[in-house]
């Protein structure tokens, strides 16, 4: 009985809570989802975010890469940060397209 109550509590479906969270995480997608031109602008914005973050991560790796032990540890952290940023960019583009196609409603 406790497991069932816990699962109901943890997986309580509240659509407004999830949409508010998405609006906070991906503000560009929700502001630019009405026309094809805005779709292209939103996708370009996400790509620029990814490119600038990749350049910053590469520069940080270059600066710390020459230090033997610290460089290796920082390299792992930077790779993980790069993967998270890549996932954010992909999720933002997918959300932008889904909002444009009216599959997801604001």
N, C-alpha and C. Protein backbone atom coordinates (compact mmCIF):
# COMPACT_ATOMS: atom_id res chain seq x y z
N UNK A 1 0.82 -1.19 0.00
CA UNK A 1 0.00 0.00 0.00
C UNK A 1 0.87 1.26 0.00
N UNK A 2 1.98 1.24 0.76
CA UNK A 2 2.85 2.41 0.81
C UNK A 2 3.49 2.68 -0.54
N UNK A 3 3.86 1.62 -1.25
CA UNK A 3 4.49 1.80 -2.55
C UNK A 3 3.51 2.45 -3.52
N UNK A 4 2.27 2.04 -3.48
CA UNK A 4 1.26 2.60 -4.38
C UNK A 4 1.03 4.07 -4.07
N UNK A 5 0.95 4.43 -2.81
CA UNK A 5 0.76 5.83 -2.45
C UNK A 5 1.96 6.66 -2.86
N UNK A 6 3.14 6.11 -2.68
CA UNK A 6 4.35 6.81 -3.08
C UNK A 6 4.40 7.02 -4.59
N UNK A 7 4.01 6.00 -5.35
CA UNK A 7 4.04 6.14 -6.80
C UNK A 7 2.99 7.14 -7.27
N UNK A 8 1.85 7.18 -6.64
CA UNK A 8 0.83 8.17 -7.01
C UNK A 8 1.34 9.57 -6.69
N UNK A 9 2.01 9.70 -5.55
CA UNK A 9 2.53 11.00 -5.16
C UNK A 9 3.66 11.45 -6.08
N UNK A 10 4.57 10.56 -6.43
CA UNK A 10 5.72 10.93 -7.26
C UNK A 10 5.33 11.20 -8.70
N UNK A 11 4.39 10.46 -9.22
CA UNK A 11 4.04 10.58 -10.63
C UNK A 11 2.70 11.25 -10.83
N UNK A 12 2.40 12.20 -9.98
CA UNK A 12 1.16 12.97 -10.11
C UNK A 12 1.25 13.81 -11.38
N UNK A 13 0.29 13.64 -12.25
CA UNK A 13 0.33 14.33 -13.54
C UNK A 13 -0.41 15.65 -13.43
N UNK A 14 0.34 16.71 -13.53
CA UNK A 14 -0.25 18.05 -13.55
C UNK A 14 0.30 18.76 -14.78
N UNK A 15 -0.53 18.91 -15.76
CA UNK A 15 -0.08 19.43 -17.05
C UNK A 15 0.45 20.86 -16.93
N UNK A 16 -0.20 21.68 -16.12
CA UNK A 16 0.24 23.06 -15.99
C UNK A 16 1.63 23.16 -15.36
N UNK A 17 1.94 22.27 -14.44
CA UNK A 17 3.27 22.27 -13.82
C UNK A 17 4.34 21.95 -14.87
N UNK A 18 4.09 20.97 -15.71
CA UNK A 18 5.09 20.59 -16.72
C UNK A 18 5.24 21.67 -17.79
N UNK A 19 4.15 22.28 -18.19
CA UNK A 19 4.25 23.34 -19.20
C UNK A 19 4.96 24.56 -18.63
N UNK A 20 4.72 24.89 -17.37
CA UNK A 20 5.44 26.00 -16.76
C UNK A 20 6.93 25.71 -16.69
N UNK A 21 7.27 24.47 -16.39
CA UNK A 21 8.69 24.09 -16.35
C UNK A 21 9.31 24.20 -17.73
N UNK A 22 8.60 23.74 -18.76
CA UNK A 22 9.12 23.85 -20.12
C UNK A 22 9.26 25.30 -20.55
N UNK A 23 8.32 26.14 -20.16
CA UNK A 23 8.40 27.56 -20.52
C UNK A 23 9.59 28.23 -19.86
N UNK A 24 9.94 27.80 -18.65
CA UNK A 24 11.10 28.37 -17.97
C UNK A 24 12.41 27.87 -18.57
N UNK A 25 12.45 26.60 -18.97
CA UNK A 25 13.68 26.03 -19.52
C UNK A 25 13.92 26.43 -20.97
N UNK A 26 12.86 26.59 -21.75
CA UNK A 26 12.99 26.88 -23.18
C UNK A 26 12.16 28.12 -23.54
N UNK A 27 12.56 29.30 -23.07
CA UNK A 27 11.75 30.49 -23.36
C UNK A 27 11.72 30.87 -24.84
N UNK A 28 12.79 30.56 -25.56
CA UNK A 28 12.84 30.93 -26.99
C UNK A 28 11.78 30.16 -27.77
N UNK A 29 11.58 28.91 -27.45
CA UNK A 29 10.61 28.10 -28.18
C UNK A 29 9.19 28.61 -28.00
N UNK A 30 8.86 29.06 -26.81
CA UNK A 30 7.49 29.49 -26.57
C UNK A 30 7.22 30.90 -27.06
N UNK A 31 8.25 31.71 -27.20
CA UNK A 31 8.06 33.06 -27.71
C UNK A 31 8.01 33.09 -29.23
N UNK A 32 8.60 32.11 -29.88
CA UNK A 32 8.72 32.12 -31.33
C UNK A 32 8.16 30.82 -31.92
N UNK A 33 6.86 30.67 -31.86
CA UNK A 33 6.28 29.42 -32.35
C UNK A 33 5.08 29.63 -33.26
N UNK A 34 4.99 30.80 -33.88
CA UNK A 34 3.75 31.07 -34.63
C UNK A 34 3.91 31.06 -36.15
N UNK A 35 5.08 31.34 -36.69
CA UNK A 35 5.23 31.36 -38.15
C UNK A 35 6.53 30.64 -38.54
N UNK A 36 6.64 30.37 -39.84
CA UNK A 36 7.83 29.69 -40.35
C UNK A 36 9.10 30.51 -40.17
N UNK A 37 8.97 31.83 -40.31
CA UNK A 37 10.13 32.70 -40.12
C UNK A 37 10.60 32.64 -38.67
N UNK A 38 9.66 32.69 -37.74
CA UNK A 38 10.03 32.60 -36.33
C UNK A 38 10.57 31.22 -35.97
N UNK A 39 10.09 30.20 -36.65
CA UNK A 39 10.64 28.85 -36.45
C UNK A 39 12.11 28.82 -36.84
N UNK A 40 12.43 29.39 -37.98
CA UNK A 40 13.83 29.42 -38.44
C UNK A 40 14.70 30.26 -37.50
N UNK A 41 14.17 31.38 -37.03
CA UNK A 41 14.92 32.23 -36.11
C UNK A 41 15.18 31.49 -34.80
N UNK A 42 14.18 30.78 -34.29
CA UNK A 42 14.35 30.03 -33.05
C UNK A 42 15.38 28.92 -33.19
N UNK A 43 15.34 28.23 -34.32
CA UNK A 43 16.33 27.16 -34.54
C UNK A 43 17.73 27.75 -34.63
N UNK A 44 17.88 28.88 -35.31
CA UNK A 44 19.19 29.53 -35.41
C UNK A 44 19.68 29.97 -34.03
N UNK A 45 18.78 30.47 -33.20
CA UNK A 45 19.17 30.89 -31.84
C UNK A 45 19.71 29.69 -31.05
N UNK A 46 19.01 28.55 -31.14
CA UNK A 46 19.49 27.37 -30.43
C UNK A 46 20.84 26.89 -30.99
N UNK A 47 21.01 26.97 -32.29
CA UNK A 47 22.30 26.56 -32.87
C UNK A 47 23.43 27.49 -32.45
N UNK A 48 23.14 28.79 -32.37
CA UNK A 48 24.16 29.74 -31.91
C UNK A 48 24.52 29.47 -30.45
N UNK A 49 23.51 29.14 -29.62
CA UNK A 49 23.79 28.79 -28.23
C UNK A 49 24.73 27.59 -28.18
N UNK A 50 24.46 26.59 -28.99
CA UNK A 50 25.31 25.40 -29.02
C UNK A 50 26.71 25.69 -29.49
N UNK A 51 26.84 26.53 -30.52
CA UNK A 51 28.16 26.86 -31.06
C UNK A 51 28.97 27.67 -30.06
N UNK A 52 28.35 28.69 -29.45
CA UNK A 52 29.08 29.51 -28.48
C UNK A 52 29.48 28.69 -27.24
N UNK A 53 28.59 27.83 -26.78
CA UNK A 53 28.93 26.98 -25.63
C UNK A 53 30.05 26.01 -26.00
N UNK A 54 30.01 25.48 -27.20
CA UNK A 54 31.08 24.59 -27.65
C UNK A 54 32.42 25.29 -27.72
N UNK A 55 32.41 26.53 -28.20
CA UNK A 55 33.65 27.30 -28.24
C UNK A 55 34.18 27.60 -26.84
N UNK A 56 33.28 27.94 -25.92
CA UNK A 56 33.70 28.21 -24.54
C UNK A 56 34.25 26.96 -23.88
N UNK A 57 33.62 25.83 -24.12
CA UNK A 57 34.11 24.57 -23.54
C UNK A 57 35.45 24.19 -24.15
N UNK A 58 35.59 24.39 -25.45
CA UNK A 58 36.87 24.10 -26.10
C UNK A 58 37.98 24.99 -25.59
N UNK A 59 37.69 26.27 -25.38
CA UNK A 59 38.68 27.19 -24.85
C UNK A 59 39.06 26.81 -23.42
N UNK A 60 38.09 26.45 -22.61
CA UNK A 60 38.39 26.02 -21.24
C UNK A 60 39.22 24.74 -21.24
N UNK A 61 38.93 23.83 -22.16
CA UNK A 61 39.73 22.62 -22.27
C UNK A 61 41.14 22.91 -22.73
N UNK A 62 41.29 23.89 -23.61
CA UNK A 62 42.62 24.27 -24.09
C UNK A 62 43.45 24.89 -22.97
N UNK A 63 42.81 25.72 -22.17
CA UNK A 63 43.53 26.40 -21.08
C UNK A 63 43.94 25.41 -20.00
N UNK A 64 43.06 24.47 -19.66
CA UNK A 64 43.37 23.54 -18.56
C UNK A 64 43.95 22.22 -19.04
N UNK A 65 44.03 22.00 -20.32
CA UNK A 65 44.49 20.72 -20.84
C UNK A 65 45.95 20.41 -20.62
N UNK A 66 46.77 21.41 -20.45
CA UNK A 66 48.19 21.16 -20.30
C UNK A 66 48.58 20.76 -18.89
N UNK A 67 47.68 20.90 -17.92
CA UNK A 67 47.96 20.49 -16.54
C UNK A 67 47.67 19.00 -16.43
N UNK A 68 48.62 18.17 -16.02
CA UNK A 68 48.47 16.71 -16.12
C UNK A 68 47.22 16.12 -15.46
N UNK A 69 47.07 16.25 -14.17
CA UNK A 69 45.95 15.59 -13.50
C UNK A 69 44.69 16.44 -13.57
N UNK A 70 44.84 17.72 -13.31
CA UNK A 70 43.68 18.61 -13.32
C UNK A 70 43.08 18.69 -14.71
N UNK A 71 43.91 18.71 -15.72
CA UNK A 71 43.43 18.79 -17.09
C UNK A 71 42.56 17.61 -17.46
N UNK A 72 42.94 16.43 -17.00
CA UNK A 72 42.14 15.24 -17.29
C UNK A 72 40.79 15.29 -16.59
N UNK A 73 40.82 15.69 -15.33
CA UNK A 73 39.56 15.77 -14.58
C UNK A 73 38.64 16.86 -15.14
N UNK A 74 39.22 18.01 -15.43
CA UNK A 74 38.42 19.09 -16.02
C UNK A 74 37.92 18.69 -17.40
N UNK A 75 38.72 17.93 -18.11
CA UNK A 75 38.28 17.45 -19.43
C UNK A 75 37.03 16.60 -19.34
N UNK A 76 36.96 15.73 -18.35
CA UNK A 76 35.76 14.91 -18.17
C UNK A 76 34.55 15.77 -17.83
N UNK A 77 34.75 16.73 -16.94
CA UNK A 77 33.65 17.62 -16.56
C UNK A 77 33.19 18.44 -17.77
N UNK A 78 34.12 18.91 -18.57
CA UNK A 78 33.76 19.70 -19.75
C UNK A 78 33.03 18.83 -20.78
N UNK A 79 33.43 17.59 -20.92
CA UNK A 79 32.71 16.69 -21.84
C UNK A 79 31.27 16.48 -21.38
N UNK A 80 31.08 16.28 -20.09
CA UNK A 80 29.72 16.10 -19.57
C UNK A 80 28.91 17.38 -19.76
N UNK A 81 29.52 18.53 -19.50
CA UNK A 81 28.83 19.80 -19.71
C UNK A 81 28.47 19.98 -21.19
N UNK A 82 29.37 19.59 -22.08
CA UNK A 82 29.08 19.67 -23.51
C UNK A 82 27.93 18.78 -23.93
N UNK A 83 27.87 17.60 -23.36
CA UNK A 83 26.77 16.68 -23.68
C UNK A 83 25.45 17.25 -23.19
N UNK A 84 25.45 17.82 -21.99
CA UNK A 84 24.22 18.41 -21.46
C UNK A 84 23.76 19.58 -22.32
N UNK A 85 24.69 20.41 -22.75
CA UNK A 85 24.34 21.55 -23.60
C UNK A 85 23.83 21.07 -24.96
N UNK A 86 24.45 20.03 -25.51
CA UNK A 86 23.97 19.47 -26.78
C UNK A 86 22.55 18.94 -26.65
N UNK A 87 22.28 18.26 -25.54
CA UNK A 87 20.92 17.75 -25.31
C UNK A 87 19.92 18.89 -25.16
N UNK A 88 20.32 19.98 -24.51
CA UNK A 88 19.46 21.15 -24.37
C UNK A 88 19.13 21.76 -25.74
N UNK A 89 20.15 21.88 -26.58
CA UNK A 89 19.94 22.45 -27.91
C UNK A 89 19.01 21.56 -28.74
N UNK A 90 19.24 20.26 -28.70
CA UNK A 90 18.39 19.34 -29.47
C UNK A 90 16.96 19.38 -28.95
N UNK A 91 16.80 19.37 -27.62
CA UNK A 91 15.46 19.41 -27.04
C UNK A 91 14.77 20.72 -27.38
N UNK A 92 15.49 21.83 -27.37
CA UNK A 92 14.91 23.12 -27.73
C UNK A 92 14.44 23.16 -29.17
N UNK A 93 15.22 22.61 -30.07
CA UNK A 93 14.83 22.58 -31.49
C UNK A 93 13.62 21.68 -31.70
N UNK A 94 13.63 20.52 -31.05
CA UNK A 94 12.48 19.61 -31.18
C UNK A 94 11.23 20.26 -30.61
N UNK A 95 11.34 20.91 -29.46
CA UNK A 95 10.19 21.59 -28.87
C UNK A 95 9.70 22.72 -29.77
N UNK A 96 10.62 23.44 -30.37
CA UNK A 96 10.25 24.52 -31.30
C UNK A 96 9.44 23.97 -32.47
N UNK A 97 9.87 22.87 -33.04
CA UNK A 97 9.17 22.28 -34.17
C UNK A 97 7.80 21.74 -33.74
N UNK A 98 7.74 21.10 -32.58
CA UNK A 98 6.46 20.57 -32.10
C UNK A 98 5.46 21.67 -31.79
N UNK A 99 5.93 22.78 -31.27
CA UNK A 99 5.04 23.91 -31.03
C UNK A 99 4.58 24.54 -32.35
N UNK A 100 5.48 24.61 -33.31
CA UNK A 100 5.11 25.17 -34.61
C UNK A 100 4.08 24.31 -35.31
N UNK A 101 4.21 22.98 -35.20
CA UNK A 101 3.29 22.06 -35.85
C UNK A 101 2.00 21.88 -35.05
N UNK A 102 1.89 22.59 -33.92
CA UNK A 102 0.70 22.55 -33.05
C UNK A 102 0.47 21.16 -32.47
N UNK A 103 1.52 20.38 -32.32
CA UNK A 103 1.42 19.06 -31.66
C UNK A 103 1.36 19.28 -30.15
N UNK A 104 2.13 20.25 -29.68
CA UNK A 104 2.08 20.66 -28.28
C UNK A 104 1.41 22.02 -28.22
N UNK A 105 0.46 22.15 -27.32
CA UNK A 105 -0.25 23.43 -27.18
C UNK A 105 0.35 24.20 -26.02
N UNK A 106 0.43 25.51 -26.21
CA UNK A 106 0.98 26.37 -25.15
C UNK A 106 0.06 26.38 -24.02
